[in-house]
Amino acid sequence: MSPIRLAIIDDHQVVINGLVAMFNATNIEVIFTSTQSPALLNFLAHTHPDVILMDIQMPDVNGIDLTKTVLKQHPGIKIIAFSSFDDTHYVKQVLRNGATGYVLKNADQGTLLNAITAVTNGQEYIHEPIRNILIQESITGQRRSMFEVPITKREKEILKLIAEENSNQEIANKLFLSLRTVETHRFNLTQKLGAKNTAALVKEAYKRGLV
């Protein structure tokens, strides 16, 4: 049986190194790794992996949008979202953008092998903890309490400044961050809180006592 050709995109090199080591002596051949999305797009211009293991929180562009971009240009590739977050808002968005799998970063080797094999064979694969959350939400009709969603100390700082009507550039100046970093944090906050715009973001933040 021919090996499954895998590309890995993750913003942490140590995670990539661990994954590469994990797939040694398996039927999965890692043919590309990168911490930067432009490198992935350049690679795909001339070589197609069977599967991409895609971190959905990249420093330059979020993996949810990158999934849509990749599949628009290369619809035959299978993408598994790879994330630390179990918030179903992320899950639903990346699946709508064409991903065929979603696996948490605490997954063991067996789970990752099963996920990669399943999507290669044309199936969807949702990590069991995520699947259980989706089932529970479908039964109750409600999302889990957002207090269960991890909000970092930096995100709380940025959320407070957003609520005080600071622009992205003003926030960057006050926190000594790059504009791109602030934009990434802002996007992550809107995803975590399920907000479509700034007004909704601030409303949700106050509602949940985050500011």
C-alpha atoms as a PDB file:
ATOM      1  CA  MET A   1       0.000   0.000   0.000  1.00  0.00           C
ATOM      2  CA  SER A   2       1.329   3.414  -0.955  1.00  0.00           C
ATOM      3  CA  PRO A   3       2.043   5.726   1.991  1.00  0.00           C
ATOM      4  CA  ILE A   4      -0.339   8.589   2.764  1.00  0.00           C
ATOM      5  CA  ARG A   5       1.421  11.829   1.895  1.00  0.00           C
ATOM      6  CA  LEU A   6       0.950  14.338   4.721  1.00  0.00           C
ATOM      7  CA  ALA A   7       1.684  18.064   5.040  1.00  0.00           C
ATOM      8  CA  ILE A   8       1.772  19.694   8.472  1.00  0.00           C
ATOM      9  CA  ILE A   9       1.244  23.403   9.134  1.00  0.00           C
ATOM     10  CA  ASP A  10       1.521  24.545  12.756  1.00  0.00           C
ATOM     11  CA  ASP A  11       2.779  27.709  14.398  1.00  0.00           C
ATOM     12  CA  HIS A  12       4.998  25.789  16.843  1.00  0.00           C
ATOM     13  CA  GLN A  13       8.042  23.977  15.491  1.00  0.00           C
ATOM     14  CA  VAL A  14       8.161  21.742  18.568  1.00  0.00           C
ATOM     15  CA  VAL A  15       4.675  20.461  17.740  1.00  0.00           C
ATOM     16  CA  ILE A  16       5.743  19.754  14.172  1.00  0.00           C
ATOM     17  CA  ASN A  17       8.831  17.884  15.382  1.00  0.00           C
ATOM     18  CA  GLY A  18       6.712  15.754  17.702  1.00  0.00           C
ATOM     19  CA  LEU A  19       4.270  14.905  14.929  1.00  0.00           C
ATOM     20  CA  VAL A  20       7.035  13.962  12.506  1.00  0.00           C
ATOM     21  CA  ALA A  21       8.517  11.646  15.128  1.00  0.00           C
ATOM     22  CA  MET A  22       5.065  10.205  15.838  1.00  0.00           C
ATOM     23  CA  PHE A  23       4.541   9.242  12.208  1.00  0.00           C
ATOM     24  CA  ASN A  24       7.871   7.456  11.850  1.00  0.00           C
ATOM     25  CA  ALA A  25       7.426   3.743  11.084  1.00  0.00           C
ATOM     26  CA  THR A  26       3.797   4.277  10.020  1.00  0.00           C
ATOM     27  CA  ASN A  27       2.131   4.337   6.631  1.00  0.00           C
ATOM     28  CA  ILE A  28       2.210   8.144   6.706  1.00  0.00           C
ATOM     29  CA  GLU A  29       4.953  10.025   4.892  1.00  0.00           C
ATOM     30  CA  VAL A  30       5.419  13.622   6.006  1.00  0.00           C
ATOM     31  CA  ILE A  31       6.395  15.441   2.815  1.00  0.00           C
ATOM     32  CA  PHE A  32       6.118  19.041   4.021  1.00  0.00           C
ATOM     33  CA  THR A  33       6.118  21.030   7.257  1.00  0.00           C
ATOM     34  CA  SER A  34       6.009  24.749   7.955  1.00  0.00           C
ATOM     35  CA  THR A  35       5.122  27.318  10.582  1.00  0.00           C
ATOM     36  CA  GLN A  36       4.077  29.845   7.904  1.00  0.00           C
ATOM     37  CA  SER A  37       1.033  29.720   5.630  1.00  0.00           C
ATOM     38  CA  PRO A  38       2.700  31.361   2.576  1.00  0.00           C
ATOM     39  CA  ALA A  39       5.190  28.489   2.493  1.00  0.00           C
ATOM     40  CA  LEU A  40       2.303  26.027   2.356  1.00  0.00           C
ATOM     41  CA  LEU A  41       0.636  27.833  -0.537  1.00  0.00           C
ATOM     42  CA  ASN A  42       3.938  27.949  -2.425  1.00  0.00           C
ATOM     43  CA  PHE A  43       4.442  24.229  -1.842  1.00  0.00           C
ATOM     44  CA  LEU A  44       0.933  23.374  -3.049  1.00  0.00           C
ATOM     45  CA  ALA A  45       1.605  25.197  -6.307  1.00  0.00           C
ATOM     46  CA  HIS A  46       3.766  22.281  -7.426  1.00  0.00           C
ATOM     47  CA  THR A  47       3.115  19.337  -5.056  1.00  0.00           C
ATOM     48  CA  HIS A  48      -0.114  17.934  -3.642  1.00  0.00           C
ATOM     49  CA  PRO A  49      -0.197  15.966  -0.392  1.00  0.00           C
ATOM     50  CA  ASP A  50      -3.103  13.628   0.287  1.00  0.00           C
ATOM     51  CA  VAL A  51      -3.854  15.281   3.621  1.00  0.00           C
ATOM     52  CA  ILE A  52      -2.964  18.529   5.395  1.00  0.00           C
ATOM     53  CA  LEU A  53      -2.909  18.642   9.183  1.00  0.00           C
ATOM     54  CA  MET A  54      -3.828  22.290   9.713  1.00  0.00           C
ATOM     55  CA  ASP A  55      -3.381  24.321  12.890  1.00  0.00           C
ATOM     56  CA  ILE A  56      -6.321  26.738  12.974  1.00  0.00           C
ATOM     57  CA  GLN A  57      -4.427  29.416  14.908  1.00  0.00           C
ATOM     58  CA  MET A  58      -1.535  30.585  12.766  1.00  0.00           C
ATOM     59  CA  PRO A  59       0.309  33.873  13.397  1.00  0.00           C
ATOM     60  CA  ASP A  60      -0.105  35.236   9.873  1.00  0.00           C
ATOM     61  CA  VAL A  61      -3.547  33.939   8.911  1.00  0.00           C
ATOM     62  CA  ASN A  62      -6.085  31.810  10.751  1.00  0.00           C
ATOM     63  CA  GLY A  63      -6.373  28.206   9.638  1.00  0.00           C
ATOM     64  CA  ILE A  64     -10.116  28.491   9.121  1.00  0.00           C
ATOM     65  CA  ASP A  65      -9.642  31.000   6.300  1.00  0.00           C
ATOM     66  CA  LEU A  66      -6.543  29.188   5.057  1.00  0.00           C
ATOM     67  CA  THR A  67      -8.588  26.008   4.723  1.00  0.00           C
ATOM     68  CA  LYS A  68     -11.034  27.800   2.445  1.00  0.00           C
ATOM     69  CA  THR A  69      -8.196  29.282   0.366  1.00  0.00           C
ATOM     70  CA  VAL A  70      -6.412  25.956  -0.048  1.00  0.00           C
ATOM     71  CA  LEU A  71      -9.528  24.034  -1.034  1.00  0.00           C
ATOM     72  CA  LYS A  72     -10.634  26.702  -3.491  1.00  0.00           C
ATOM     73  CA  GLN A  73      -7.309  26.276  -5.303  1.00  0.00           C
ATOM     74  CA  HIS A  74      -6.828  22.546  -4.680  1.00  0.00           C
ATOM     75  CA  PRO A  75     -10.210  20.903  -4.026  1.00  0.00           C
ATOM     76  CA  GLY A  76      -8.868  17.334  -4.020  1.00  0.00           C
ATOM     77  CA  ILE A  77      -6.790  17.749  -0.863  1.00  0.00           C
ATOM     78  CA  LYS A  78      -8.200  16.585   2.468  1.00  0.00           C
ATOM     79  CA  ILE A  79      -7.741  18.884   5.474  1.00  0.00           C
ATOM     80  CA  ILE A  80      -7.876  17.963   9.140  1.00  0.00           C
ATOM     81  CA  ALA A  81      -8.148  20.919  11.510  1.00  0.00           C
ATOM     82  CA  PHE A  82      -5.742  20.513  14.422  1.00  0.00           C
ATOM     83  CA  SER A  83      -6.515  22.668  17.444  1.00  0.00           C
ATOM     84  CA  SER A  84      -6.239  23.098  21.197  1.00  0.00           C
ATOM     85  CA  PHE A  85      -9.774  24.500  21.319  1.00  0.00           C
ATOM     86  CA  ASP A  86     -12.901  22.397  21.703  1.00  0.00           C
ATOM     87  CA  ASP A  87     -15.285  25.312  21.107  1.00  0.00           C
ATOM     88  CA  THR A  88     -17.800  24.110  18.542  1.00  0.00           C
ATOM     89  CA  HIS A  89     -17.861  27.505  16.839  1.00  0.00           C
ATOM     90  CA  TYR A  90     -14.367  26.742  15.520  1.00  0.00           C
ATOM     91  CA  VAL A  91     -15.413  23.234  14.547  1.00  0.00           C
ATOM     92  CA  LYS A  92     -18.462  24.315  12.583  1.00  0.00           C
ATOM     93  CA  GLN A  93     -16.658  27.139  10.797  1.00  0.00           C
ATOM     94  CA  VAL A  94     -13.737  25.076   9.593  1.00  0.00           C
ATOM     95  CA  LEU A  95     -16.026  22.231   8.502  1.00  0.00           C
ATOM     96  CA  ARG A  96     -18.163  24.708   6.557  1.00  0.00           C
ATOM     97  CA  ASN A  97     -14.968  25.856   4.848  1.00  0.00           C
ATOM     98  CA  GLY A  98     -14.326  22.327   3.638  1.00  0.00           C
ATOM     99  CA  ALA A  99     -12.250  20.536   6.273  1.00  0.00           C
ATOM    100  CA  THR A 100     -13.151  16.856   6.615  1.00  0.00           C
ATOM    101  CA  GLY A 101     -11.714  16.336  10.081  1.00  0.00           C
ATOM    102  CA  TYR A 102     -11.191  18.032  13.428  1.00  0.00           C
ATOM    103  CA  VAL A 103      -8.748  16.677  15.998  1.00  0.00           C
ATOM    104  CA  LEU A 104      -7.636  18.153  19.313  1.00  0.00           C
ATOM    105  CA  LYS A 105      -3.927  18.585  19.953  1.00  0.00           C
ATOM    106  CA  ASN A 106      -4.054  16.249  22.934  1.00  0.00           C
ATOM    107  CA  ALA A 107      -4.892  13.338  20.622  1.00  0.00           C
ATOM    108  CA  ASP A 108      -2.742  10.226  20.799  1.00  0.00           C
ATOM    109  CA  GLN A 109      -1.031   8.539  17.875  1.00  0.00           C
ATOM    110  CA  GLY A 110      -3.880   6.100  17.287  1.00  0.00           C
ATOM    111  CA  THR A 111      -6.440   8.875  17.006  1.00  0.00           C
ATOM    112  CA  LEU A 112      -4.326  10.843  14.536  1.00  0.00           C
ATOM    113  CA  LEU A 113      -3.656   7.749  12.431  1.00  0.00           C
ATOM    114  CA  ASN A 114      -7.375   6.921  12.385  1.00  0.00           C
ATOM    115  CA  ALA A 115      -8.253  10.494  11.418  1.00  0.00           C
ATOM    116  CA  ILE A 116      -5.751  10.657   8.574  1.00  0.00           C
ATOM    117  CA  THR A 117      -6.757   7.242   7.266  1.00  0.00           C
ATOM    118  CA  ALA A 118     -10.465   8.070   7.455  1.00  0.00           C
ATOM    119  CA  VAL A 119     -10.289  11.336   5.506  1.00  0.00           C
ATOM    120  CA  THR A 120      -7.981   9.726   2.933  1.00  0.00           C
ATOM    121  CA  ASN A 121     -10.732   7.140   2.374  1.00  0.00           C
ATOM    122  CA  GLY A 122     -13.337   9.851   1.829  1.00  0.00           C
ATOM    123  CA  GLN A 123     -14.835   9.847   5.320  1.00  0.00           C
ATOM    124  CA  GLU A 124     -15.189  12.612   7.874  1.00  0.00           C
ATOM    125  CA  TYR A 125     -13.446  12.307  11.219  1.00  0.00           C
ATOM    126  CA  ILE A 126     -14.427  14.276  14.308  1.00  0.00           C
ATOM    127  CA  HIS A 127     -12.402  13.588  17.459  1.00  0.00           C
ATOM    128  CA  GLU A 128     -14.634  11.849  20.022  1.00  0.00           C
ATOM    129  CA  PRO A 129     -14.550  14.640  22.669  1.00  0.00           C
ATOM    130  CA  ILE A 130     -15.681  17.129  20.016  1.00  0.00           C
ATOM    131  CA  ARG A 131     -18.338  14.749  18.732  1.00  0.00           C
ATOM    132  CA  ASN A 132     -19.720  14.345  22.253  1.00  0.00           C
ATOM    133  CA  ILE A 133     -19.937  18.117  22.713  1.00  0.00           C
ATOM    134  CA  LEU A 134     -21.756  18.506  19.382  1.00  0.00           C
ATOM    135  CA  ILE A 135     -24.230  15.790  20.365  1.00  0.00           C
ATOM    136  CA  GLN A 136     -24.847  17.416  23.750  1.00  0.00           C
ATOM    137  CA  GLU A 137     -25.443  20.799  22.117  1.00  0.00           C
ATOM    138  CA  SER A 138     -27.883  19.266  19.641  1.00  0.00           C
ATOM    139  CA  ILE A 139     -29.818  17.720  22.536  1.00  0.00           C
ATOM    140  CA  THR A 140     -29.931  20.807  24.755  1.00  0.00           C
ATOM    141  CA  GLY A 141     -30.115  23.369  21.958  1.00  0.00           C
ATOM    142  CA  GLN A 142     -27.528  25.444  23.783  1.00  0.00           C
ATOM    143  CA  ARG A 143     -23.800  25.965  23.479  1.00  0.00           C
ATOM    144  CA  ARG A 144     -21.696  25.217  26.506  1.00  0.00           C
ATOM    145  CA  SER A 145     -21.008  28.057  28.903  1.00  0.00           C
ATOM    146  CA  MET A 146     -18.398  30.303  27.411  1.00  0.00           C
ATOM    147  CA  PHE A 147     -16.620  30.257  30.754  1.00  0.00           C
ATOM    148  CA  GLU A 148     -15.339  26.875  29.580  1.00  0.00           C
ATOM    149  CA  VAL A 149     -13.637  28.522  26.608  1.00  0.00           C
ATOM    150  CA  PRO A 150     -10.021  29.426  27.397  1.00  0.00           C
ATOM    151  CA  ILE A 151      -9.477  33.182  27.333  1.00  0.00           C
ATOM    152  CA  THR A 152      -5.836  34.091  27.795  1.00  0.00           C
ATOM    153  CA  LYS A 153      -4.560  36.948  29.934  1.00  0.00           C
ATOM    154  CA  ARG A 154      -3.502  38.828  26.795  1.00  0.00           C
ATOM    155  CA  GLU A 155      -6.909  38.302  25.192  1.00  0.00           C
ATOM    156  CA  LYS A 156      -8.582  39.698  28.319  1.00  0.00           C
ATOM    157  CA  GLU A 157      -6.363  42.793  28.099  1.00  0.00           C
ATOM    158  CA  ILE A 158      -7.259  43.286  24.455  1.00  0.00           C
ATOM    159  CA  LEU A 159     -10.946  42.629  25.100  1.00  0.00           C
ATOM    160  CA  LYS A 160     -10.974  45.336  27.776  1.00  0.00           C
ATOM    161  CA  LEU A 161      -9.366  47.830  25.387  1.00  0.00           C
ATOM    162  CA  ILE A 162     -11.828  46.919  22.635  1.00  0.00           C
ATOM    163  CA  ALA A 163     -14.681  47.541  25.073  1.00  0.00           C
ATOM    164  CA  GLU A 164     -13.146  50.957  25.772  1.00  0.00           C
ATOM    165  CA  GLU A 165     -13.468  51.686  22.012  1.00  0.00           C
ATOM    166  CA  ASN A 166      -9.761  51.577  21.178  1.00  0.00           C
ATOM    167  CA  SER A 167      -8.816  50.858  17.575  1.00  0.00           C
ATOM    168  CA  ASN A 168      -6.513  47.957  16.693  1.00  0.00           C
ATOM    169  CA  GLN A 169      -3.625  50.375  16.198  1.00  0.00           C
ATOM    170  CA  GLU A 170      -4.290  52.077  19.542  1.00  0.00           C
ATOM    171  CA  ILE A 171      -4.342  48.695  21.266  1.00  0.00           C
ATOM    172  CA  ALA A 172      -1.084  47.730  19.554  1.00  0.00           C
ATOM    173  CA  ASN A 173       0.546  50.949  20.742  1.00  0.00           C
ATOM    174  CA  LYS A 174      -0.668  50.577  24.318  1.00  0.00           C
ATOM    175  CA  LEU A 175       0.387  46.941  24.655  1.00  0.00           C
ATOM    176  CA  PHE A 176       3.584  47.257  22.586  1.00  0.00           C
ATOM    177  CA  LEU A 177       2.362  44.660  20.101  1.00  0.00           C
ATOM    178  CA  SER A 178       2.349  44.546  16.332  1.00  0.00           C
ATOM    179  CA  LEU A 179      -0.875  45.453  14.542  1.00  0.00           C
ATOM    180  CA  ARG A 180      -1.032  41.945  13.048  1.00  0.00           C
ATOM    181  CA  THR A 181      -0.799  40.382  16.512  1.00  0.00           C
ATOM    182  CA  VAL A 182      -3.682  42.486  17.767  1.00  0.00           C
ATOM    183  CA  GLU A 183      -5.749  41.599  14.687  1.00  0.00           C
ATOM    184  CA  THR A 184      -5.093  37.902  15.299  1.00  0.00           C
ATOM    185  CA  HIS A 185      -6.134  38.163  18.956  1.00  0.00           C
ATOM    186  CA  ARG A 186      -9.244  40.108  17.970  1.00  0.00           C
ATOM    187  CA  PHE A 187     -10.211  37.439  15.438  1.00  0.00           C
ATOM    188  CA  ASN A 188      -9.674  34.695  18.016  1.00  0.00           C
ATOM    189  CA  LEU A 189     -11.903  36.526  20.479  1.00  0.00           C
ATOM    190  CA  THR A 190     -14.724  36.865  17.959  1.00  0.00           C
ATOM    191  CA  GLN A 191     -14.489  33.137  17.256  1.00  0.00           C
ATOM    192  CA  LYS A 192     -14.442  32.158  20.916  1.00  0.00           C
ATOM    193  CA  LEU A 193     -17.390  34.370  21.796  1.00  0.00           C
ATOM    194  CA  GLY A 194     -19.347  33.661  18.622  1.00  0.00           C
ATOM    195  CA  ALA A 195     -19.520  37.352  17.739  1.00  0.00           C
ATOM    196  CA  LYS A 196     -20.010  38.694  14.211  1.00  0.00           C
ATOM    197  CA  ASN A 197     -18.828  42.237  14.843  1.00  0.00           C
ATOM    198  CA  THR A 198     -17.314  44.523  17.479  1.00  0.00           C
ATOM    199  CA  ALA A 199     -20.637  45.495  19.014  1.00  0.00           C
ATOM    200  CA  ALA A 200     -21.602  41.850  19.463  1.00  0.00           C
ATOM    201  CA  LEU A 201     -18.154  41.065  20.846  1.00  0.00           C
ATOM    202  CA  VAL A 202     -18.395  43.769  23.514  1.00  0.00           C
ATOM    203  CA  LYS A 203     -21.962  42.762  24.368  1.00  0.00           C
ATOM    204  CA  GLU A 204     -20.942  39.132  24.874  1.00  0.00           C
ATOM    205  CA  ALA A 205     -17.912  40.164  26.909  1.00  0.00           C
ATOM    206  CA  TYR A 206     -20.074  42.181  29.324  1.00  0.00           C
ATOM    207  CA  LYS A 207     -22.720  39.473  29.440  1.00  0.00           C
ATOM    208  CA  ARG A 208     -20.161  36.901  30.524  1.00  0.00           C
ATOM    209  CA  GLY A 209     -18.312  39.137  32.925  1.00  0.00           C
ATOM    210  CA  LEU A 210     -15.102  39.146  30.923  1.00  0.00           C
ATOM    211  CA  VAL A 211     -14.632  42.936  31.104  1.00  0.00           C
END
